[in-house]
Structures are given as structure tokens and as C-alpha cells.
Amino acid sequence: MEYKLKAIVKEIPKRYPNGEMMPKERRARALAVIRYADDFVIIHDEIDIVNKCKEVMEEWLNNIDLELKPSKTRVAHTLQEHKGNKPGFDFLGFHIQQFKQGRHHSGKNTKKELLGFKTIIKPQKEKIQLHYKKLDECINKMSSFKQSELIGKLTPIIRGWCNYQSPWNSSDAFQKLNNLMWNRLWRWGKRRHPNKGRKWIARKYWNLKDKGWRFTSKSKTFTHSLPKHTDFSCGIRWTKVQNARSPYDGDESYWSKRMGDKYRTSDPQKSRLMKIQKGKCGHCGLTFRSEDLTEKHHIKEKSKGGNNSDKNLVLIHLHCHDKVHGKR
């Protein structure tokens, strides 16, 4: 299925522009095909061309005994309602839609002219519900676990989802999830101590000194807090990959910078180390891949007076880190 879709994505543009690099002005009006796995979107500002593309897709898929799934196929306008279809569309967990704006907030075209509208990308409602359902199920399963264990289980779920959503307009979704999580964790605490009052439960499970309260496990040696969804920044802009670039083109400076940007929101220090090391592991010397797990390794151990400064840290593969500490 994967290679067949690659073929049609290449085929559709051939029916219209010739595929060569075009000036920015013309590129803005050109047919755009965006594909990820078996999901794809075809974008153009003329409805006749969009409908023709749909016909081409159906014809091509029929030749290989496949068809477009009706429930996932729709023709929509990004700004206005079209034949009963609401404006905007969902793609890869996001809802993309354009909204009318005044001159101070309007988007601009390639000539810096005001468009009168702005494109907004938000988390899809169904994905927000699915994320909360996952958190809710986790809390249900851990009703008898320690608070620190619950925090340890919920933290990577929240952090991973928020990092994925952070480049877009996610502030409303993050605030909504904050409220849902506060109510859900309050019920978790109330269920564990049905005979205790609200003040007692609040003092036991929340850090009341922190603005807005924070779900915190406290002990004599450490405190472990659950991150809020609103702790994560929204609207972070990511730079597109330059034309004709490849991870295998030998430009280590360019790709190490992009790899460093991977950690920009979750761990700024990892981002700095990635750029300093030009995208290579400080132990084995191999180039990091996007799917690799990494770990910060202390050059001088903390037990021997080392610190957490960039100069005393090196970024290495997680399996390299295990090897280093396995030798000690």
C-alpha cells in the first residue's frame, strides 16, 4: 500500500504543473499533495481542479483494486462552508481551518499583502478526548498505587502529547485538559480518603504554594510534581527542511542543528549538546538518528565533584550510556 500511494502522489502533479521548481508566487497557487502513510490531502484554490484530482485518484486506485474510503474522504473549503461541509479539515490529529481576521491579525501572501484571514491549526477534538481517556484509564488502574508511582506513569504521557502539539495553537486544549486533570485527580484523592476533608486532601496531594496548585508527591528527600499541560509552550515555529536537502548529504552542521531542535521544548540542554557535538554520539561517534534514545553523561561524576554544566556533560546513545556504566 505504501509504495502504491507514493506512485500516485508523484502521478497527480504530472497531470498539471510539470514538477519543476517554480517561483514563490506561482508555487502559492500550485497543486499541493501532502501524504503521510495512507493519509493524504490535496489542496488547491479552485474547486474544479480539486474535484478533478479526486476523479484521478479514484480512477488510479480502481486500477489496483483499491478505493477511497467514503468516511474519510471529503471536499471542503478552509474558510467557508461548502455543500453542507463545515470549513476546515482534520489531518494527522490536527484540525486546520482559516478564520476571517482584521488588518492587525490577518495573514499575508508572498507579496506581503493582507489576505483578510488567518490559518489556525489546533489539536483535533477527538484526539484531545482520546488523550484524556488514556490518562483517565491510567488513573483508574493505579487507584491503589503510591502518588509518586502515578506521577511517574502520567508524566511521559502528558509530556509526549504536549511536545507533539506544541508547534500549533494548542493553548485552549492545554487549558481544558488542565481542568479535566485537576477534577480527575481530585476524585482520585477523595476516593482514597473518603473520610477526610477537602483541606486535608489538598495539603496531602497538592503543593498549595505553587500558583494554581500542583499535584506533588512529597517526602523527606525529594518532591516529585506532575507537569501541567499548560507548562508546555504553544505556537513554537519549526523550520522547514530546505529544498534538495537529505540527511545523507554530508552537511553535518545543518542536520545537527535540526536534530538539536528536536529537544528544544523538552530538554534545552540536550538541544545545546546536540549542536555542540554536531549530531554525533559522544561515546561511539555515530550520527544520531531521529528515532534514537539519548542520555546526558557526566564526564566527571557528580560523586567526585562534577556538576550539570554543559562543559561536564556529553550526549550519548542510551545503549552507550548503559555500556559505560556497566563497565564501572
Protein backbone atom coordinates (compact mmCIF):
# COMPACT_ATOMS: atom_id res chain seq x y z
CA MET A 1 0.00 0.00 0.00
CA GLU A 2 2.81 2.38 0.93
CA TYR A 3 4.66 2.18 -2.40
CA LYS A 4 1.42 2.42 -4.36
CA LEU A 5 0.48 5.69 -2.68
CA LYS A 6 3.97 7.05 -3.33
CA ALA A 7 3.35 6.42 -7.00
CA ILE A 8 0.02 8.26 -7.12
CA VAL A 9 1.42 11.24 -5.20
CA LYS A 10 4.03 11.55 -7.94
CA GLU A 11 1.44 10.99 -10.65
CA ILE A 12 -1.13 13.67 -9.71
CA PRO A 13 1.14 16.71 -10.15
CA LYS A 14 2.12 15.40 -13.60
CA ARG A 15 -1.43 15.98 -14.76
CA TYR A 16 -0.97 19.73 -14.07
CA PRO A 17 2.32 21.64 -13.48
CA ASN A 18 5.47 19.98 -14.82
CA GLY A 19 7.07 19.35 -11.42
CA GLU A 20 9.99 21.77 -11.86
CA MET A 21 10.85 24.35 -9.20
CA MET A 22 8.56 27.35 -9.62
CA PRO A 23 8.78 30.96 -8.42
CA LYS A 24 7.29 31.55 -4.96
CA GLU A 25 4.31 33.48 -6.40
CA ARG A 26 3.35 30.64 -8.72
CA ARG A 27 4.08 27.99 -6.10
CA ALA A 28 1.43 29.56 -3.83
CA ARG A 29 -1.24 28.72 -6.44
CA ALA A 30 0.12 25.32 -7.43
CA LEU A 31 -1.46 21.98 -6.61
CA ALA A 32 -0.23 20.63 -3.26
CA VAL A 33 -0.31 16.95 -2.28
CA ILE A 34 0.61 16.15 1.33
CA ARG A 35 0.85 12.47 2.28
CA TYR A 36 1.70 10.56 5.44
CA ALA A 37 1.40 6.75 5.26
CA ASP A 38 -2.08 6.12 3.77
CA ASP A 39 -3.49 9.55 4.68
CA PHE A 40 -3.21 12.43 2.23
CA VAL A 41 -4.61 15.87 1.47
CA ILE A 42 -4.87 17.58 -1.92
CA ILE A 43 -5.00 21.39 -1.79
CA HIS A 44 -5.82 23.93 -4.50
CA ASP A 45 -7.75 27.22 -4.57
CA GLU A 46 -10.01 26.14 -7.48
CA ILE A 47 -12.80 23.65 -6.74
CA ASP A 48 -12.84 22.26 -10.31
CA ILE A 49 -9.21 21.20 -10.03
CA VAL A 50 -9.81 19.61 -6.62
CA ASN A 51 -12.76 17.61 -7.99
CA LYS A 52 -10.67 16.56 -10.99
CA CYS A 53 -7.93 15.35 -8.65
CA LYS A 54 -10.50 13.27 -6.78
CA GLU A 55 -11.54 11.66 -10.08
CA VAL A 56 -7.90 10.94 -10.96
CA MET A 57 -7.35 9.35 -7.54
CA GLU A 58 -10.45 7.15 -7.82
CA GLU A 59 -9.52 6.07 -11.35
CA TRP A 60 -5.94 5.24 -10.37
CA LEU A 61 -6.94 3.33 -7.24
CA ASN A 62 -9.58 1.32 -9.13
CA ASN A 63 -6.86 0.05 -11.45
CA ILE A 64 -5.13 -1.59 -8.46
CA ASP A 65 -8.38 -2.80 -6.82
CA LEU A 66 -8.44 -0.09 -4.16
CA GLU A 67 -10.83 2.75 -3.43
CA LEU A 68 -11.12 5.91 -1.35
CA LYS A 69 -12.81 5.33 2.00
CA PRO A 70 -16.05 7.39 1.90
CA SER A 71 -16.00 8.12 5.65
CA LYS A 72 -12.52 9.65 5.39
CA THR A 73 -12.97 11.42 2.03
CA ARG A 74 -14.47 14.90 1.80
CA VAL A 75 -14.16 18.06 -0.26
CA ALA A 76 -14.13 21.13 1.96
CA HIS A 77 -13.25 24.81 1.89
CA THR A 78 -10.83 26.01 4.55
CA LEU A 79 -12.65 29.32 5.13
CA GLN A 80 -16.31 28.85 4.18
CA GLU A 81 -18.96 26.14 4.33
CA HIS A 82 -19.11 24.06 1.13
CA LYS A 83 -22.16 21.96 0.23
CA GLY A 84 -23.02 21.29 3.85
CA ASN A 85 -19.43 20.55 4.84
CA LYS A 86 -18.09 22.72 7.65
CA PRO A 87 -14.93 24.71 6.83
CA GLY A 88 -11.55 23.16 7.57
CA PHE A 89 -10.32 19.58 7.66
CA ASP A 90 -8.67 17.08 10.01
CA PHE A 91 -5.25 15.62 9.25
CA LEU A 92 -2.82 13.65 11.45
CA GLY A 93 -4.61 14.59 14.66
CA PHE A 94 -4.96 18.30 13.84
CA HIS A 95 -7.81 20.50 12.66
CA ILE A 96 -6.74 23.01 10.01
CA GLN A 97 -9.08 25.93 9.31
CA GLN A 98 -8.97 29.55 8.20
CA PHE A 99 -10.76 32.35 10.07
CA LYS A 100 -11.59 35.89 8.97
CA GLN A 101 -9.37 38.47 10.66
CA GLY A 102 -8.94 42.23 10.81
CA ARG A 103 -5.90 44.00 9.41
CA HIS A 104 -3.85 43.60 12.61
CA HIS A 105 -4.13 39.79 12.75
CA SER A 106 -4.60 38.89 9.09
CA GLY A 107 -2.20 36.57 7.32
CA LYS A 108 -0.20 37.79 4.32
CA ASN A 109 0.59 36.38 0.88
CA THR A 110 4.03 36.12 -0.72
CA LYS A 111 3.83 39.81 -1.67
CA LYS A 112 3.15 40.81 1.97
CA GLU A 113 -0.44 41.75 1.07
CA LEU A 114 -3.18 41.25 3.68
CA LEU A 115 -5.41 38.23 3.00
CA GLY A 116 -8.23 39.05 5.42
CA PHE A 117 -7.98 35.65 7.09
CA LYS A 118 -5.54 33.56 9.10
CA THR A 119 -4.84 29.83 9.14
CA ILE A 120 -5.23 28.24 12.57
CA ILE A 121 -4.05 24.71 13.38
CA LYS A 122 -5.46 23.16 16.55
CA PRO A 123 -5.48 19.68 18.10
CA GLN A 124 -8.39 17.63 16.75
CA LYS A 125 -11.26 17.33 19.27
CA GLU A 126 -11.30 13.54 19.00
CA LYS A 127 -7.55 13.40 19.74
CA ILE A 128 -7.99 15.57 22.84
CA GLN A 129 -10.70 13.20 24.07
CA LEU A 130 -8.53 10.17 23.26
CA HIS A 131 -5.58 11.64 25.17
CA TYR A 132 -7.71 12.36 28.24
CA LYS A 133 -9.24 8.89 28.05
CA LYS A 134 -5.75 7.38 28.17
CA LEU A 135 -4.88 9.47 31.24
CA ASP A 136 -8.21 8.58 32.88
CA GLU A 137 -7.68 4.85 32.30
CA CYS A 138 -4.19 5.10 33.76
CA ILE A 139 -5.53 6.80 36.91
CA ASN A 140 -8.26 4.16 37.26
CA LYS A 141 -5.75 1.31 37.04
CA MET A 142 -3.48 2.95 39.62
CA SER A 143 -6.12 3.81 42.21
CA SER A 144 -4.20 1.91 44.92
CA PHE A 145 -0.67 2.90 43.84
CA LYS A 146 1.53 5.47 45.55
CA GLN A 147 1.20 9.06 44.34
CA SER A 148 4.83 9.09 43.17
CA GLU A 149 4.19 5.99 41.03
CA LEU A 150 1.10 7.56 39.50
CA ILE A 151 3.05 10.74 38.68
CA GLY A 152 5.82 8.64 37.12
CA LYS A 153 3.29 6.91 34.87
CA LEU A 154 1.35 10.02 33.82
CA THR A 155 4.33 12.33 33.20
CA PRO A 156 5.66 10.76 29.95
CA ILE A 157 2.12 10.55 28.54
CA ILE A 158 1.49 14.26 29.16
CA ARG A 159 4.98 15.33 28.08
CA GLY A 160 4.92 13.32 24.85
CA TRP A 161 1.46 14.53 23.78
CA CYS A 162 2.17 18.18 24.62
CA ASN A 163 5.51 18.19 22.79
CA TYR A 164 3.74 16.82 19.69
CA GLN A 165 1.05 19.52 19.91
CA SER A 166 3.29 22.42 20.98
CA PRO A 167 4.06 23.89 17.50
CA TRP A 168 0.37 24.68 16.95
CA ASN A 169 -2.40 26.76 18.55
CA SER A 170 -2.90 24.39 21.47
CA SER A 171 -3.36 26.77 24.42
CA ASP A 172 -7.15 26.25 24.64
CA ALA A 173 -6.73 22.47 24.52
CA PHE A 174 -3.99 22.56 27.15
CA GLN A 175 -6.14 24.67 29.50
CA LYS A 176 -9.13 22.37 29.02
CA LEU A 177 -7.00 19.32 29.82
CA ASN A 178 -5.61 21.10 32.89
CA ASN A 179 -9.14 21.49 34.24
CA LEU A 180 -10.12 17.92 33.41
CA MET A 181 -6.99 16.53 35.06
CA TRP A 182 -7.46 18.61 38.22
CA ASN A 183 -11.00 17.28 38.67
CA ARG A 184 -9.94 13.72 37.89
CA LEU A 185 -7.01 13.75 40.32
CA TRP A 186 -9.22 15.30 43.00
CA ARG A 187 -11.62 12.37 42.64
CA TRP A 188 -8.61 10.03 42.86
CA GLY A 189 -7.57 11.61 46.18
CA LYS A 190 -11.14 11.73 47.52
CA ARG A 191 -11.67 8.06 46.75
CA ARG A 192 -8.54 7.11 48.68
CA HIS A 193 -9.61 9.11 51.74
CA PRO A 194 -13.43 9.23 51.82
CA ASN A 195 -13.48 10.28 55.47
CA LYS A 196 -11.05 13.18 55.14
CA GLY A 197 -11.92 16.81 54.47
CA ARG A 198 -11.02 18.85 51.41
CA LYS A 199 -8.24 20.80 53.14
CA TRP A 200 -6.56 17.61 54.34
CA ILE A 201 -6.65 16.05 50.85
CA ALA A 202 -5.38 19.26 49.26
CA ARG A 203 -2.41 19.54 51.64
CA LYS A 204 -1.51 15.86 51.22
CA TYR A 205 -1.53 15.65 47.41
CA TRP A 206 -1.03 19.21 46.16
CA ASN A 207 1.64 21.85 46.53
CA LEU A 208 -0.58 24.78 47.53
CA LYS A 209 2.24 27.32 47.37
CA ASP A 210 2.56 26.89 43.63
CA LYS A 211 0.24 29.11 41.57
CA GLY A 212 -2.84 27.15 40.56
CA TRP A 213 -1.87 24.17 42.76
CA ARG A 214 0.39 21.36 41.57
CA PHE A 215 -0.11 17.63 42.09
CA THR A 216 3.02 16.81 44.08
CA SER A 217 4.42 13.79 45.90
CA LYS A 218 6.38 14.96 48.94
CA SER A 219 8.91 13.06 51.04
CA LYS A 220 11.84 13.91 53.32
CA THR A 221 14.36 13.59 50.47
CA PHE A 222 12.59 14.86 47.33
CA THR A 223 9.42 16.24 45.76
CA HIS A 224 8.01 14.86 42.52
CA SER A 225 5.45 17.04 40.67
CA LEU A 226 3.16 16.18 37.79
CA PRO A 227 3.63 18.59 34.85
CA LYS A 228 0.57 20.54 33.78
CA HIS A 229 -0.40 20.70 30.12
CA THR A 230 -0.06 24.48 30.28
CA ASP A 231 3.60 24.13 31.34
CA PHE A 232 4.40 23.49 27.68
CA SER A 233 4.83 26.33 25.21
CA CYS A 234 2.45 26.71 22.27
CA GLY A 235 2.99 28.09 18.81
CA ILE A 236 6.68 27.16 18.57
CA ARG A 237 7.69 27.53 14.92
CA TRP A 238 9.67 24.76 13.26
CA THR A 239 11.86 25.48 10.26
CA LYS A 240 11.04 23.53 7.11
CA VAL A 241 13.70 21.30 5.58
CA GLN A 242 15.42 23.17 2.77
CA ASN A 243 14.82 22.04 -0.81
CA ALA A 244 17.05 19.20 -2.05
CA ARG A 245 18.33 18.50 1.50
CA SER A 246 18.95 14.92 2.64
CA PRO A 247 20.21 13.51 5.97
CA TYR A 248 22.84 11.71 3.90
CA ASP A 249 24.20 14.76 2.05
CA GLY A 250 27.16 15.16 4.45
CA ASP A 251 26.14 18.57 5.78
CA GLU A 252 26.58 17.71 9.45
CA SER A 253 26.24 21.31 10.62
CA TYR A 254 22.77 21.72 9.08
CA TRP A 255 21.38 18.39 10.27
CA SER A 256 22.86 18.56 13.78
CA LYS A 257 21.07 21.90 14.23
CA ARG A 258 17.78 20.33 13.18
CA MET A 259 18.36 17.34 15.48
CA GLY A 260 19.03 19.78 18.30
CA ASP A 261 15.70 21.46 17.61
CA LYS A 262 14.04 18.11 18.37
CA TYR A 263 14.73 18.70 22.08
CA ARG A 264 14.07 22.45 22.06
CA THR A 265 10.91 22.22 24.18
CA SER A 266 11.50 19.05 26.22
CA ASP A 267 15.20 19.49 27.15
CA PRO A 268 17.01 22.67 26.05
CA GLN A 269 20.33 21.34 27.38
CA LYS A 270 20.10 18.27 25.12
CA SER A 271 19.43 20.65 22.24
CA ARG A 272 22.62 22.60 23.00
CA LEU A 273 24.73 19.45 23.39
CA MET A 274 23.40 18.04 20.11
CA LYS A 275 24.54 21.16 18.27
CA ILE A 276 27.92 21.28 20.05
CA GLN A 277 28.61 17.64 19.12
CA LYS A 278 27.42 18.16 15.51
CA GLY A 279 24.78 15.47 15.89
CA LYS A 280 27.21 12.68 16.88
CA CYS A 281 27.26 10.41 19.92
CA GLY A 282 29.98 11.35 22.41
CA HIS A 283 30.79 7.68 23.04
CA CYS A 284 30.58 5.69 19.78
CA GLY A 285 30.92 8.65 17.39
CA LEU A 286 27.97 7.60 15.21
CA THR A 287 25.44 10.16 14.00
CA PHE A 288 22.20 10.29 15.95
CA ARG A 289 19.05 9.31 14.08
CA SER A 290 15.69 10.91 14.81
CA GLU A 291 14.38 7.74 16.50
CA ASP A 292 17.45 7.22 18.75
CA LEU A 293 17.07 7.46 22.53
CA THR A 294 19.70 9.68 24.12
CA GLU A 295 21.11 10.31 27.58
CA LYS A 296 23.29 13.01 29.15
CA HIS A 297 26.51 11.53 30.54
CA HIS A 298 28.68 13.23 33.18
CA ILE A 299 32.35 13.44 32.18
CA LYS A 300 33.31 13.93 35.83
CA GLU A 301 30.96 12.02 38.08
CA LYS A 302 28.82 14.05 40.47
CA SER A 303 30.07 11.88 43.34
CA LYS A 304 33.57 13.15 42.55
CA GLY A 305 32.61 16.82 42.39
CA GLY A 306 31.18 17.02 38.88
CA ASN A 307 28.27 19.30 38.02
CA ASN A 308 25.46 19.57 35.46
CA SER A 309 27.04 22.26 33.29
CA ASP A 310 27.32 21.82 29.51
CA LYS A 311 31.12 21.52 29.84
CA ASN A 312 30.79 18.47 32.10
CA LEU A 313 28.14 16.71 30.01
CA VAL A 314 28.19 14.78 26.76
CA LEU A 315 25.18 13.47 24.86
CA ILE A 316 25.34 9.75 24.04
CA HIS A 317 23.03 6.94 22.94
CA LEU A 318 21.01 5.35 25.73
CA HIS A 319 22.56 1.95 24.98
CA CYS A 320 26.03 3.57 25.01
CA HIS A 321 25.21 5.06 28.40
CA ASP A 322 24.30 1.59 29.69
CA LYS A 323 27.60 0.21 28.38
CA VAL A 324 29.63 2.98 30.05
CA HIS A 325 28.01 2.46 33.43
CA GLY A 326 28.10 -1.32 33.03
CA LYS A 327 31.91 -1.17 32.98
CA ARG A 328 32.09 0.65 36.31
